[in-house]
Protein backbone atom coordinates (compact mmCIF):
# COMPACT_ATOMS: atom_id res chain seq x y z
CA MET A 1 0.00 0.00 0.00
CA HIS A 2 2.71 2.47 0.96
CA ALA A 3 4.56 1.81 -2.31
CA CYS A 4 1.43 2.54 -4.35
CA LEU A 5 0.88 5.78 -2.47
CA ALA A 6 4.54 6.74 -2.86
CA ASN A 7 4.31 6.16 -6.61
CA ALA A 8 1.51 8.73 -6.66
CA GLY A 9 3.47 11.14 -4.47
CA VAL A 10 1.15 10.68 -1.50
CA VAL A 11 2.34 10.42 2.09
CA PRO A 12 -0.34 9.04 4.46
CA ASP A 13 -1.11 10.85 7.71
CA GLN A 14 -3.15 7.96 9.11
CA HIS A 15 -3.19 4.22 8.53
CA LEU A 16 -6.38 2.38 9.39
CA VAL A 17 -6.30 -1.42 9.33
CA LEU A 18 -9.94 -2.31 8.85
CA ASN A 19 -9.77 -5.84 10.26
CA ARG A 20 -8.30 -4.42 13.47
CA LEU A 21 -11.31 -2.11 13.64
CA GLY A 22 -13.80 -4.96 13.50
CA ALA A 23 -14.29 -5.57 9.77
CA VAL A 24 -14.09 -9.21 8.73
CA LYS A 25 -12.91 -10.12 5.23
CA ARG A 26 -15.32 -12.46 3.50
CA GLN A 27 -14.80 -13.79 0.01
CA HIS A 28 -17.63 -12.50 -2.20
CA GLY A 29 -19.44 -11.19 0.86
CA GLU A 30 -20.53 -7.90 2.35
CA CYS A 31 -19.76 -6.38 5.73
CA THR A 32 -22.39 -6.49 8.41
CA GLU A 33 -24.09 -3.27 9.43
CA GLY A 34 -22.34 -3.51 12.79
CA GLU A 35 -18.93 -3.75 11.11
CA VAL A 36 -19.71 -0.74 8.94
CA GLU A 37 -20.77 1.30 11.97
CA ALA A 38 -17.70 0.33 14.02
CA VAL A 39 -15.28 1.14 11.21
CA TRP A 40 -17.06 4.39 10.38
CA ARG A 41 -16.74 5.58 14.00
CA GLU A 42 -12.99 4.99 13.79
CA VAL A 43 -12.76 6.78 10.43
CA GLU A 44 -14.60 9.79 11.86
CA ALA A 45 -12.28 9.82 14.88
CA ALA A 46 -9.22 9.73 12.60
CA LEU A 47 -10.63 12.61 10.55
CA GLU A 48 -11.18 14.65 13.72
CA ARG A 49 -7.57 14.01 14.79
CA LEU A 50 -6.33 15.14 11.37
CA ALA A 51 -8.50 18.27 11.44
CA ALA A 52 -7.23 19.15 14.93
CA GLY A 53 -3.72 19.02 13.53
């Protein structure tokens, strides 16, 4: 992932590992609503940290 971003000249400020946030990888399957909500809360928290600088 970092190499792909570097090729585009992008340096990440945050790195969110979705399976550590409660998302479960399923082959040809969707996330549960609970997984989506849990991950989204973490994404919002990361955005707030970035905005706060």
